[in-house]
Amino acid sequence: MEKIFVVKRVAAKLHGTEAAIDTAMVQAAEMMADMVQARKDLGLSATVASGATAKVMAAMAALSEARSAMVDAHAELDETRLRLGVRTKMMGWEIKLSAGEPTADEQVAQAS
């Protein structure tokens, strides 16, 4: 198989993984906001579900670490691409979409 096609396949998976982590971060942040608002709407003490709140915050921190790791992996894979002699470069948000396919922003909006 030609190198360029293999590189593009890996790049597509990389961008998809980065988008999935971003979507998960948005979902977790919205969940946190909804949990706080629900507690307020019900007139509950700040101590109610504080354990769950801490767990969601821990999940958000883990997602942030995952995002940082993917950014580092992206940089290393870009260096590998150059060492392989592949000059074509695909940028995450500049990927050309097929007609009718949602943009990354629209995908995040649809996930919420």
PDB file of N, CA and C in Angstrom:
ATOM      1  N   MET A   1       0.854  -1.184   0.000  1.00  0.00           N
ATOM      2  CA  MET A   1       0.000   0.000   0.000  1.00  0.00           C
ATOM      3  C   MET A   1       0.894   1.239   0.000  1.00  0.00           C
ATOM      4  N   GLU A   2       0.481   2.240  -0.714  1.00  0.00           N
ATOM      5  CA  GLU A   2       1.253   3.468  -0.820  1.00  0.00           C
ATOM      6  C   GLU A   2       1.279   4.226   0.519  1.00  0.00           C
ATOM      7  N   LYS A   3       2.452   4.766   0.851  1.00  0.00           N
ATOM      8  CA  LYS A   3       2.635   5.452   2.142  1.00  0.00           C
ATOM      9  C   LYS A   3       1.601   6.539   2.387  1.00  0.00           C
ATOM     10  N   ILE A   4       1.316   7.320   1.374  1.00  0.00           N
ATOM     11  CA  ILE A   4       0.414   8.463   1.549  1.00  0.00           C
ATOM     12  C   ILE A   4      -0.963   8.018   2.034  1.00  0.00           C
ATOM     13  N   PHE A   5      -1.438   6.887   1.525  1.00  0.00           N
ATOM     14  CA  PHE A   5      -2.758   6.403   1.925  1.00  0.00           C
ATOM     15  C   PHE A   5      -2.751   5.899   3.371  1.00  0.00           C
ATOM     16  N   VAL A   6      -1.668   5.257   3.759  1.00  0.00           N
ATOM     17  CA  VAL A   6      -1.537   4.785   5.139  1.00  0.00           C
ATOM     18  C   VAL A   6      -1.468   5.980   6.090  1.00  0.00           C
ATOM     19  N   VAL A   7      -0.675   6.966   5.733  1.00  0.00           N
ATOM     20  CA  VAL A   7      -0.534   8.171   6.560  1.00  0.00           C
ATOM     21  C   VAL A   7      -1.876   8.892   6.690  1.00  0.00           C
ATOM     22  N   LYS A   8      -2.584   9.016   5.580  1.00  0.00           N
ATOM     23  CA  LYS A   8      -3.890   9.685   5.627  1.00  0.00           C
ATOM     24  C   LYS A   8      -4.882   8.915   6.482  1.00  0.00           C
ATOM     25  N   ARG A   9      -4.841   7.589   6.424  1.00  0.00           N
ATOM     26  CA  ARG A   9      -5.734   6.772   7.248  1.00  0.00           C
ATOM     27  C   ARG A   9      -5.459   7.009   8.739  1.00  0.00           C
ATOM     28  N   VAL A  10      -4.183   7.011   9.106  1.00  0.00           N
ATOM     29  CA  VAL A  10      -3.823   7.252  10.511  1.00  0.00           C
ATOM     30  C   VAL A  10      -4.206   8.678  10.907  1.00  0.00           C
ATOM     31  N   ALA A  11      -3.980   9.635  10.020  1.00  0.00           N
ATOM     32  CA  ALA A  11      -4.330  11.029  10.310  1.00  0.00           C
ATOM     33  C   ALA A  11      -5.828  11.179  10.541  1.00  0.00           C
ATOM     34  N   ALA A  12      -6.625  10.485   9.746  1.00  0.00           N
ATOM     35  CA  ALA A  12      -8.075  10.559   9.918  1.00  0.00           C
ATOM     36  C   ALA A  12      -8.492  10.012  11.284  1.00  0.00           C
ATOM     37  N   LYS A  13      -7.870   8.910  11.701  1.00  0.00           N
ATOM     38  CA  LYS A  13      -8.174   8.339  13.024  1.00  0.00           C
ATOM     39  C   LYS A  13      -7.712   9.280  14.133  1.00  0.00           C
ATOM     40  N   LEU A  14      -6.563   9.905  13.929  1.00  0.00           N
ATOM     41  CA  LEU A  14      -6.051  10.858  14.915  1.00  0.00           C
ATOM     42  C   LEU A  14      -7.017  12.014  15.087  1.00  0.00           C
ATOM     43  N   HIS A  15      -7.459  12.588  13.979  1.00  0.00           N
ATOM     44  CA  HIS A  15      -8.384  13.721  14.052  1.00  0.00           C
ATOM     45  C   HIS A  15      -9.718  13.301  14.654  1.00  0.00           C
ATOM     46  N   GLY A  16     -10.173  12.106  14.331  1.00  0.00           N
ATOM     47  CA  GLY A  16     -11.405  11.599  14.916  1.00  0.00           C
ATOM     48  C   GLY A  16     -11.291  11.413  16.419  1.00  0.00           C
ATOM     49  N   THR A  17     -10.163  10.906  16.856  1.00  0.00           N
ATOM     50  CA  THR A  17      -9.926  10.724  18.292  1.00  0.00           C
ATOM     51  C   THR A  17      -9.862  12.063  19.009  1.00  0.00           C
ATOM     52  N   GLU A  18      -9.175  13.028  18.405  1.00  0.00           N
ATOM     53  CA  GLU A  18      -9.111  14.363  19.000  1.00  0.00           C
ATOM     54  C   GLU A  18     -10.509  14.978  19.114  1.00  0.00           C
ATOM     55  N   ALA A  19     -11.314  14.827  18.079  1.00  0.00           N
ATOM     56  CA  ALA A  19     -12.682  15.361  18.101  1.00  0.00           C
ATOM     57  C   ALA A  19     -13.533  14.655  19.154  1.00  0.00           C
ATOM     58  N   ALA A  20     -13.345  13.353  19.305  1.00  0.00           N
ATOM     59  CA  ALA A  20     -14.115  12.594  20.298  1.00  0.00           C
ATOM     60  C   ALA A  20     -13.781  13.053  21.716  1.00  0.00           C
ATOM     61  N   ILE A  21     -12.513  13.306  21.964  1.00  0.00           N
ATOM     62  CA  ILE A  21     -12.117  13.794  23.292  1.00  0.00           C
ATOM     63  C   ILE A  21     -12.707  15.174  23.533  1.00  0.00           C
ATOM     64  N   ASP A  22     -12.639  16.045  22.538  1.00  0.00           N
ATOM     65  CA  ASP A  22     -13.232  17.381  22.676  1.00  0.00           C
ATOM     66  C   ASP A  22     -14.726  17.290  22.960  1.00  0.00           C
ATOM     67  N   THR A  23     -15.411  16.398  22.236  1.00  0.00           N
ATOM     68  CA  THR A  23     -16.850  16.220  22.444  1.00  0.00           C
ATOM     69  C   THR A  23     -17.126  15.718  23.860  1.00  0.00           C
ATOM     70  N   ALA A  24     -16.321  14.774  24.324  1.00  0.00           N
ATOM     71  CA  ALA A  24     -16.492  14.256  25.684  1.00  0.00           C
ATOM     72  C   ALA A  24     -16.250  15.346  26.724  1.00  0.00           C
ATOM     73  N   MET A  25     -15.291  16.218  26.470  1.00  0.00           N
ATOM     74  CA  MET A  25     -15.028  17.326  27.399  1.00  0.00           C
ATOM     75  C   MET A  25     -16.232  18.265  27.466  1.00  0.00           C
ATOM     76  N   VAL A  26     -16.818  18.559  26.310  1.00  0.00           N
ATOM     77  CA  VAL A  26     -17.999  19.425  26.272  1.00  0.00           C
ATOM     78  C   VAL A  26     -19.147  18.768  27.025  1.00  0.00           C
ATOM     79  N   GLN A  27     -19.364  17.488  26.783  1.00  0.00           N
ATOM     80  CA  GLN A  27     -20.446  16.760  27.454  1.00  0.00           C
ATOM     81  C   GLN A  27     -20.252  16.764  28.971  1.00  0.00           C
ATOM     82  N   ALA A  28     -19.031  16.514  29.420  1.00  0.00           N
ATOM     83  CA  ALA A  28     -18.755  16.479  30.855  1.00  0.00           C
ATOM     84  C   ALA A  28     -18.969  17.856  31.487  1.00  0.00           C
ATOM     85  N   ALA A  29     -18.545  18.904  30.794  1.00  0.00           N
ATOM     86  CA  ALA A  29     -18.731  20.263  31.316  1.00  0.00           C
ATOM     87  C   ALA A  29     -20.214  20.613  31.399  1.00  0.00           C
ATOM     88  N   GLU A  30     -20.965  20.227  30.365  1.00  0.00           N
ATOM     89  CA  GLU A  30     -22.410  20.484  30.388  1.00  0.00           C
ATOM     90  C   GLU A  30     -23.096  19.680  31.492  1.00  0.00           C
ATOM     91  N   MET A  31     -22.630  18.451  31.709  1.00  0.00           N
ATOM     92  CA  MET A  31     -23.199  17.638  32.785  1.00  0.00           C
ATOM     93  C   MET A  31     -22.946  18.295  34.137  1.00  0.00           C
ATOM     94  N   MET A  32     -21.731  18.793  34.326  1.00  0.00           N
ATOM     95  CA  MET A  32     -21.400  19.463  35.580  1.00  0.00           C
ATOM     96  C   MET A  32     -22.312  20.676  35.782  1.00  0.00           C
ATOM     97  N   ALA A  33     -22.474  21.467  34.748  1.00  0.00           N
ATOM     98  CA  ALA A  33     -23.333  22.647  34.849  1.00  0.00           C
ATOM     99  C   ALA A  33     -24.768  22.239  35.167  1.00  0.00           C
ATOM    100  N   ASP A  34     -25.259  21.187  34.534  1.00  0.00           N
ATOM    101  CA  ASP A  34     -26.622  20.716  34.796  1.00  0.00           C
ATOM    102  C   ASP A  34     -26.771  20.177  36.216  1.00  0.00           C
ATOM    103  N   MET A  35     -25.747  19.505  36.708  1.00  0.00           N
ATOM    104  CA  MET A  35     -25.807  18.997  38.088  1.00  0.00           C
ATOM    105  C   MET A  35     -25.904  20.149  39.092  1.00  0.00           C
ATOM    106  N   VAL A  36     -25.088  21.164  38.884  1.00  0.00           N
ATOM    107  CA  VAL A  36     -25.104  22.326  39.790  1.00  0.00           C
ATOM    108  C   VAL A  36     -26.454  23.038  39.689  1.00  0.00           C
ATOM    109  N   GLN A  37     -26.929  23.232  38.459  1.00  0.00           N
ATOM    110  CA  GLN A  37     -28.220  23.906  38.270  1.00  0.00           C
ATOM    111  C   GLN A  37     -29.361  23.092  38.874  1.00  0.00           C
ATOM    112  N   ALA A  38     -29.328  21.781  38.737  1.00  0.00           N
ATOM    113  CA  ALA A  38     -30.375  20.921  39.308  1.00  0.00           C
ATOM    114  C   ALA A  38     -30.398  21.045  40.831  1.00  0.00           C
ATOM    115  N   ARG A  39     -29.205  21.060  41.424  1.00  0.00           N
ATOM    116  CA  ARG A  39     -29.127  21.222  42.881  1.00  0.00           C
ATOM    117  C   ARG A  39     -29.734  22.550  43.300  1.00  0.00           C
ATOM    118  N   LYS A  40     -29.423  23.615  42.556  1.00  0.00           N
ATOM    119  CA  LYS A  40     -29.980  24.934  42.863  1.00  0.00           C
ATOM    120  C   LYS A  40     -31.491  24.957  42.653  1.00  0.00           C
ATOM    121  N   ASP A  41     -31.943  24.380  41.527  1.00  0.00           N
ATOM    122  CA  ASP A  41     -33.373  24.371  41.209  1.00  0.00           C
ATOM    123  C   ASP A  41     -34.183  23.646  42.278  1.00  0.00           C
ATOM    124  N   LEU A  42     -33.582  22.621  42.867  1.00  0.00           N
ATOM    125  CA  LEU A  42     -34.271  21.844  43.891  1.00  0.00           C
ATOM    126  C   LEU A  42     -34.056  22.398  45.297  1.00  0.00           C
ATOM    127  N   GLY A  43     -33.249  23.462  45.395  1.00  0.00           N
ATOM    128  CA  GLY A  43     -32.992  24.085  46.689  1.00  0.00           C
ATOM    129  C   GLY A  43     -32.216  23.186  47.634  1.00  0.00           C
ATOM    130  N   LEU A  44     -31.315  22.381  47.097  1.00  0.00           N
ATOM    131  CA  LEU A  44     -30.550  21.438  47.912  1.00  0.00           C
ATOM    132  C   LEU A  44     -29.243  22.053  48.391  1.00  0.00           C
ATOM    133  N   SER A  45     -28.760  21.535  49.469  1.00  0.00           N
ATOM    134  CA  SER A  45     -27.496  21.971  50.055  1.00  0.00           C
ATOM    135  C   SER A  45     -26.339  21.681  49.097  1.00  0.00           C
ATOM    136  N   ALA A  46     -25.281  22.454  49.228  1.00  0.00           N
ATOM    137  CA  ALA A  46     -24.087  22.258  48.404  1.00  0.00           C
ATOM    138  C   ALA A  46     -23.429  20.910  48.693  1.00  0.00           C
ATOM    139  N   THR A  47     -23.740  20.314  49.829  1.00  0.00           N
ATOM    140  CA  THR A  47     -23.142  19.015  50.161  1.00  0.00           C
ATOM    141  C   THR A  47     -23.845  17.849  49.465  1.00  0.00           C
ATOM    142  N   VAL A  48     -25.047  18.075  48.949  1.00  0.00           N
ATOM    143  CA  VAL A  48     -25.779  17.017  48.261  1.00  0.00           C
ATOM    144  C   VAL A  48     -25.046  16.668  46.961  1.00  0.00           C
ATOM    145  N   ALA A  49     -24.783  15.386  46.795  1.00  0.00           N
ATOM    146  CA  ALA A  49     -24.097  14.850  45.617  1.00  0.00           C
ATOM    147  C   ALA A  49     -22.693  15.420  45.435  1.00  0.00           C
ATOM    148  N   SER A  50     -22.069  15.855  46.520  1.00  0.00           N
ATOM    149  CA  SER A  50     -20.714  16.400  46.390  1.00  0.00           C
ATOM    150  C   SER A  50     -19.726  15.332  45.937  1.00  0.00           C
ATOM    151  N   GLY A  51     -19.993  14.087  46.318  1.00  0.00           N
ATOM    152  CA  GLY A  51     -19.128  12.993  45.847  1.00  0.00           C
ATOM    153  C   GLY A  51     -19.228  12.817  44.346  1.00  0.00           C
ATOM    154  N   ALA A  52     -20.443  12.877  43.820  1.00  0.00           N
ATOM    155  CA  ALA A  52     -20.637  12.756  42.374  1.00  0.00           C
ATOM    156  C   ALA A  52     -19.992  13.937  41.650  1.00  0.00           C
ATOM    157  N   THR A  53     -20.115  15.114  42.225  1.00  0.00           N
ATOM    158  CA  THR A  53     -19.502  16.303  41.631  1.00  0.00           C
ATOM    159  C   THR A  53     -17.988  16.127  41.548  1.00  0.00           C
ATOM    160  N   ALA A  54     -17.397  15.622  42.616  1.00  0.00           N
ATOM    161  CA  ALA A  54     -15.946  15.392  42.624  1.00  0.00           C
ATOM    162  C   ALA A  54     -15.546  14.360  41.572  1.00  0.00           C
ATOM    163  N   LYS A  55     -16.361  13.339  41.397  1.00  0.00           N
ATOM    164  CA  LYS A  55     -16.062  12.306  40.396  1.00  0.00           C
ATOM    165  C   LYS A  55     -16.143  12.871  38.976  1.00  0.00           C
ATOM    166  N   VAL A  56     -17.127  13.700  38.714  1.00  0.00           N
ATOM    167  CA  VAL A  56     -17.244  14.310  37.388  1.00  0.00           C
ATOM    168  C   VAL A  56     -16.049  15.230  37.144  1.00  0.00           C
ATOM    169  N   MET A  57     -15.640  15.967  38.163  1.00  0.00           N
ATOM    170  CA  MET A  57     -14.459  16.833  38.017  1.00  0.00           C
ATOM    171  C   MET A  57     -13.207  15.990  37.758  1.00  0.00           C
ATOM    172  N   ALA A  58     -13.097  14.839  38.423  1.00  0.00           N
ATOM    173  CA  ALA A  58     -11.957  13.948  38.181  1.00  0.00           C
ATOM    174  C   ALA A  58     -11.984  13.434  36.743  1.00  0.00           C
ATOM    175  N   ALA A  59     -13.174  13.113  36.251  1.00  0.00           N
ATOM    176  CA  ALA A  59     -13.306  12.665  34.861  1.00  0.00           C
ATOM    177  C   ALA A  59     -12.892  13.772  33.902  1.00  0.00           C
ATOM    178  N   MET A  60     -13.268  15.012  34.205  1.00  0.00           N
ATOM    179  CA  MET A  60     -12.893  16.140  33.354  1.00  0.00           C
ATOM    180  C   MET A  60     -11.376  16.326  33.350  1.00  0.00           C
ATOM    181  N   ALA A  61     -10.753  16.147  34.508  1.00  0.00           N
ATOM    182  CA  ALA A  61      -9.288  16.252  34.580  1.00  0.00           C
ATOM    183  C   ALA A  61      -8.637  15.145  33.749  1.00  0.00           C
ATOM    184  N   ALA A  62      -9.198  13.944  33.816  1.00  0.00           N
ATOM    185  CA  ALA A  62      -8.663  12.831  33.027  1.00  0.00           C
ATOM    186  C   ALA A  62      -8.822  13.105  31.529  1.00  0.00           C
ATOM    187  N   LEU A  63      -9.947  13.682  31.139  1.00  0.00           N
ATOM    188  CA  LEU A  63     -10.146  14.039  29.731  1.00  0.00           C
ATOM    189  C   LEU A  63      -9.136  15.092  29.289  1.00  0.00           C
ATOM    190  N   SER A  64      -8.839  16.020  30.170  1.00  0.00           N
ATOM    191  CA  SER A  64      -7.848  17.043  29.853  1.00  0.00           C
ATOM    192  C   SER A  64      -6.469  16.414  29.654  1.00  0.00           C
ATOM    193  N   GLU A  65      -6.133  15.454  30.504  1.00  0.00           N
ATOM    194  CA  GLU A  65      -4.853  14.744  30.342  1.00  0.00           C
ATOM    195  C   GLU A  65      -4.840  13.957  29.034  1.00  0.00           C
ATOM    196  N   ALA A  66      -5.980  13.322  28.707  1.00  0.00           N
ATOM    197  CA  ALA A  66      -6.070  12.575  27.460  1.00  0.00           C
ATOM    198  C   ALA A  66      -5.888  13.499  26.267  1.00  0.00           C
ATOM    199  N   ARG A  67      -6.470  14.679  26.335  1.00  0.00           N
ATOM    200  CA  ARG A  67      -6.339  15.641  25.240  1.00  0.00           C
ATOM    201  C   ARG A  67      -4.883  16.071  25.075  1.00  0.00           C
ATOM    202  N   SER A  68      -4.221  16.347  26.187  1.00  0.00           N
ATOM    203  CA  SER A  68      -2.807  16.724  26.132  1.00  0.00           C
ATOM    204  C   SER A  68      -1.960  15.600  25.530  1.00  0.00           C
ATOM    205  N   ALA A  69      -2.263  14.362  25.913  1.00  0.00           N
ATOM    206  CA  ALA A  69      -1.529  13.221  25.373  1.00  0.00           C
ATOM    207  C   ALA A  69      -1.746  13.096  23.870  1.00  0.00           C
ATOM    208  N   MET A  70      -2.976  13.336  23.407  1.00  0.00           N
ATOM    209  CA  MET A  70      -3.250  13.251  21.978  1.00  0.00           C
ATOM    210  C   MET A  70      -2.552  14.368  21.212  1.00  0.00           C
ATOM    211  N   VAL A  71      -2.478  15.544  21.808  1.00  0.00           N
ATOM    212  CA  VAL A  71      -1.750  16.651  21.164  1.00  0.00           C
ATOM    213  C   VAL A  71      -0.272  16.282  21.029  1.00  0.00           C
ATOM    214  N   ASP A  72       0.293  15.666  22.065  1.00  0.00           N
ATOM    215  CA  ASP A  72       1.689  15.226  22.001  1.00  0.00           C
ATOM    216  C   ASP A  72       1.873  14.130  20.949  1.00  0.00           C
ATOM    217  N   ALA A  73       0.922  13.186  20.906  1.00  0.00           N
ATOM    218  CA  ALA A  73       0.984  12.125  19.907  1.00  0.00           C
ATOM    219  C   ALA A  73       0.894  12.714  18.498  1.00  0.00           C
ATOM    220  N   HIS A  74       0.046  13.712  18.332  1.00  0.00           N
ATOM    221  CA  HIS A  74      -0.118  14.382  17.044  1.00  0.00           C
ATOM    222  C   HIS A  74       1.227  14.960  16.584  1.00  0.00           C
ATOM    223  N   ALA A  75       1.917  15.632  17.493  1.00  0.00           N
ATOM    224  CA  ALA A  75       3.205  16.231  17.142  1.00  0.00           C
ATOM    225  C   ALA A  75       4.223  15.158  16.761  1.00  0.00           C
ATOM    226  N   GLU A  76       4.245  14.065  17.506  1.00  0.00           N
ATOM    227  CA  GLU A  76       5.189  12.992  17.189  1.00  0.00           C
ATOM    228  C   GLU A  76       4.854  12.331  15.858  1.00  0.00           C
ATOM    229  N   LEU A  77       3.569  12.130  15.604  1.00  0.00           N
ATOM    230  CA  LEU A  77       3.172  11.534  14.330  1.00  0.00           C
ATOM    231  C   LEU A  77       3.489  12.456  13.162  1.00  0.00           C
ATOM    232  N   ASP A  78       3.413  13.762  13.393  1.00  0.00           N
ATOM    233  CA  ASP A  78       3.764  14.710  12.336  1.00  0.00           C
ATOM    234  C   ASP A  78       5.246  14.592  11.999  1.00  0.00           C
ATOM    235  N   GLU A  79       6.079  14.423  13.031  1.00  0.00           N
ATOM    236  CA  GLU A  79       7.514  14.231  12.792  1.00  0.00           C
ATOM    237  C   GLU A  79       7.762  12.923  12.032  1.00  0.00           C
ATOM    238  N   THR A  80       7.038  11.886  12.401  1.00  0.00           N
ATOM    239  CA  THR A  80       7.167  10.590  11.724  1.00  0.00           C
ATOM    240  C   THR A  80       6.781  10.725  10.253  1.00  0.00           C
ATOM    241  N   ARG A  81       5.697  11.457  10.002  1.00  0.00           N
ATOM    242  CA  ARG A  81       5.250  11.694   8.626  1.00  0.00           C
ATOM    243  C   ARG A  81       6.380  12.312   7.798  1.00  0.00           C
ATOM    244  N   LEU A  82       7.046  13.299   8.371  1.00  0.00           N
ATOM    245  CA  LEU A  82       8.146  13.950   7.649  1.00  0.00           C
ATOM    246  C   LEU A  82       9.309  12.995   7.421  1.00  0.00           C
ATOM    247  N   ARG A  83       9.638  12.180   8.429  1.00  0.00           N
ATOM    248  CA  ARG A  83      10.732  11.214   8.269  1.00  0.00           C
ATOM    249  C   ARG A  83      10.422  10.183   7.202  1.00  0.00           C
ATOM    250  N   LEU A  84       9.142   9.878   7.023  1.00  0.00           N
ATOM    251  CA  LEU A  84       8.736   8.937   5.983  1.00  0.00           C
ATOM    252  C   LEU A  84       8.761   9.573   4.596  1.00  0.00           C
ATOM    253  N   GLY A  85       8.956  10.890   4.568  1.00  0.00           N
ATOM    254  CA  GLY A  85       9.022  11.584   3.295  1.00  0.00           C
ATOM    255  C   GLY A  85       7.665  11.970   2.740  1.00  0.00           C
ATOM    256  N   VAL A  86       6.649  11.968   3.583  1.00  0.00           N
ATOM    257  CA  VAL A  86       5.308  12.354   3.149  1.00  0.00           C
ATOM    258  C   VAL A  86       5.145  13.837   3.441  1.00  0.00           C
ATOM    259  N   ARG A  87       4.936  14.613   2.404  1.00  0.00           N
ATOM    260  CA  ARG A  87       4.863  16.068   2.565  1.00  0.00           C
ATOM    261  C   ARG A  87       3.439  16.583   2.680  1.00  0.00           C
ATOM    262  N   THR A  88       2.460  15.772   2.311  1.00  0.00           N
ATOM    263  CA  THR A  88       1.063  16.200   2.424  1.00  0.00           C
ATOM    264  C   THR A  88       0.749  16.374   3.892  1.00  0.00           C
ATOM    265  N   LYS A  89       0.064  17.475   4.200  1.00  0.00           N
ATOM    266  CA  LYS A  89      -0.260  17.748   5.594  1.00  0.00           C
ATOM    267  C   LYS A  89      -1.760  17.944   5.730  1.00  0.00           C
ATOM    268  N   MET A  90      -2.344  17.252   6.705  1.00  0.00           N
ATOM    269  CA  MET A  90      -3.770  17.407   6.993  1.00  0.00           C
ATOM    270  C   MET A  90      -3.908  18.115   8.332  1.00  0.00           C
ATOM    271  N   MET A  91      -4.614  19.211   8.342  1.00  0.00           N
ATOM    272  CA  MET A  91      -4.833  19.957   9.569  1.00  0.00           C
ATOM    273  C   MET A  91      -6.216  19.613  10.103  1.00  0.00           C
ATOM    274  N   GLY A  92      -6.320  19.442  11.414  1.00  0.00           N
ATOM    275  CA  GLY A  92      -7.546  19.006  12.050  1.00  0.00           C
ATOM    276  C   GLY A  92      -8.814  19.685  11.590  1.00  0.00           C
ATOM    277  N   TRP A  93      -8.881  20.997  11.656  1.00  0.00           N
ATOM    278  CA  TRP A  93     -10.125  21.689  11.345  1.00  0.00           C
ATOM    279  C   TRP A  93     -10.209  22.086   9.881  1.00  0.00           C
ATOM    280  N   GLU A  94      -9.174  21.814   9.116  1.00  0.00           N
ATOM    281  CA  GLU A  94      -9.176  22.192   7.712  1.00  0.00           C
ATOM    282  C   GLU A  94      -9.455  21.018   6.785  1.00  0.00           C
ATOM    283  N   ILE A  95      -9.846  19.881   7.346  1.00  0.00           N
ATOM    284  CA  ILE A  95     -10.141  18.719   6.522  1.00  0.00           C
ATOM    285  C   ILE A  95     -11.351  19.030   5.652  1.00  0.00           C
ATOM    286  N   LYS A  96     -11.240  18.732   4.368  1.00  0.00           N
ATOM    287  CA  LYS A  96     -12.358  18.960   3.451  1.00  0.00           C
ATOM    288  C   LYS A  96     -13.446  17.937   3.748  1.00  0.00           C
ATOM    289  N   LEU A  97     -14.664  18.410   3.928  1.00  0.00           N
ATOM    290  CA  LEU A  97     -15.774  17.525   4.231  1.00  0.00           C
ATOM    291  C   LEU A  97     -16.559  17.206   2.973  1.00  0.00           C
ATOM    292  N   SER A  98     -17.128  16.007   2.956  1.00  0.00           N
ATOM    293  CA  SER A  98     -18.004  15.622   1.849  1.00  0.00           C
ATOM    294  C   SER A  98     -19.266  16.459   1.921  1.00  0.00           C
ATOM    295  N   ALA A  99     -19.935  16.615   0.817  1.00  0.00           N
ATOM    296  CA  ALA A  99     -21.186  17.387   0.778  1.00  0.00           C
ATOM    297  C   ALA A  99     -22.178  16.788   1.756  1.00  0.00           C
ATOM    298  N   GLY A 100     -22.759  17.625   2.585  1.00  0.00           N
ATOM    299  CA  GLY A 100     -23.763  17.185   3.544  1.00  0.00           C
ATOM    300  C   GLY A 100     -23.195  16.685   4.859  1.00  0.00           C
ATOM    301  N   GLU A 101     -21.886  16.492   4.961  1.00  0.00           N
ATOM    302  CA  GLU A 101     -21.277  16.020   6.200  1.00  0.00           C
ATOM    303  C   GLU A 101     -21.147  17.205   7.163  1.00  0.00           C
ATOM    304  N   PRO A 102     -21.502  17.017   8.468  1.00  0.00           N
ATOM    305  CA  PRO A 102     -21.444  18.139   9.410  1.00  0.00           C
ATOM    306  C   PRO A 102     -20.001  18.560   9.706  1.00  0.00           C
ATOM    307  N   THR A 103     -19.816  19.843   9.968  1.00  0.00           N
ATOM    308  CA  THR A 103     -18.509  20.351  10.366  1.00  0.00           C
ATOM    309  C   THR A 103     -18.216  19.892  11.784  1.00  0.00           C
ATOM    310  N   ALA A 104     -16.981  20.085  12.245  1.00  0.00           N
ATOM    311  CA  ALA A 104     -16.602  19.692  13.607  1.00  0.00           C
ATOM    312  C   ALA A 104     -17.452  20.447  14.630  1.00  0.00           C
ATOM    313  N   ASP A 105     -17.702  21.739  14.393  1.00  0.00           N
ATOM    314  CA  ASP A 105     -18.532  22.522  15.311  1.00  0.00           C
ATOM    315  C   ASP A 105     -19.953  21.982  15.352  1.00  0.00           C
ATOM    316  N   GLU A 106     -20.485  21.590  14.185  1.00  0.00           N
ATOM    317  CA  GLU A 106     -21.833  21.049  14.127  1.00  0.00           C
ATOM    318  C   GLU A 106     -21.887  19.686  14.834  1.00  0.00           C
ATOM    319  N   GLN A 107     -20.807  18.890  14.730  1.00  0.00           N
ATOM    320  CA  GLN A 107     -20.774  17.606  15.423  1.00  0.00           C
ATOM    321  C   GLN A 107     -20.813  17.802  16.929  1.00  0.00           C
ATOM    322  N   VAL A 108     -20.079  18.789  17.434  1.00  0.00           N
ATOM    323  CA  VAL A 108     -20.084  19.074  18.868  1.00  0.00           C
ATOM    324  C   VAL A 108     -21.472  19.530  19.291  1.00  0.00           C
ATOM    325  N   ALA A 109     -22.111  20.392  18.485  1.00  0.00           N
ATOM    326  CA  ALA A 109     -23.450  20.885  18.810  1.00  0.00           C
ATOM    327  C   ALA A 109     -24.461  19.739  18.807  1.00  0.00           C
ATOM    328  N   GLN A 110     -24.322  18.811  17.866  1.00  0.00           N
ATOM    329  CA  GLN A 110     -25.248  17.680  17.787  1.00  0.00           C
ATOM    330  C   GLN A 110     -25.087  16.749  18.971  1.00  0.00           C
ATOM    331  N   ALA A 111     -23.876  16.649  19.501  1.00  0.00           N
ATOM    332  CA  ALA A 111     -23.609  15.744  20.623  1.00  0.00           C
ATOM    333  C   ALA A 111     -24.245  16.246  21.914  1.00  0.00           C
ATOM    334  N   SER A 112     -24.538  17.532  21.979  1.00  0.00           N
ATOM    335  CA  SER A 112     -25.098  18.084  23.215  1.00  0.00           C
ATOM    336  C   SER A 112     -26.608  18.032  23.234  1.00  0.00           C
TER     337      SER A 112
END
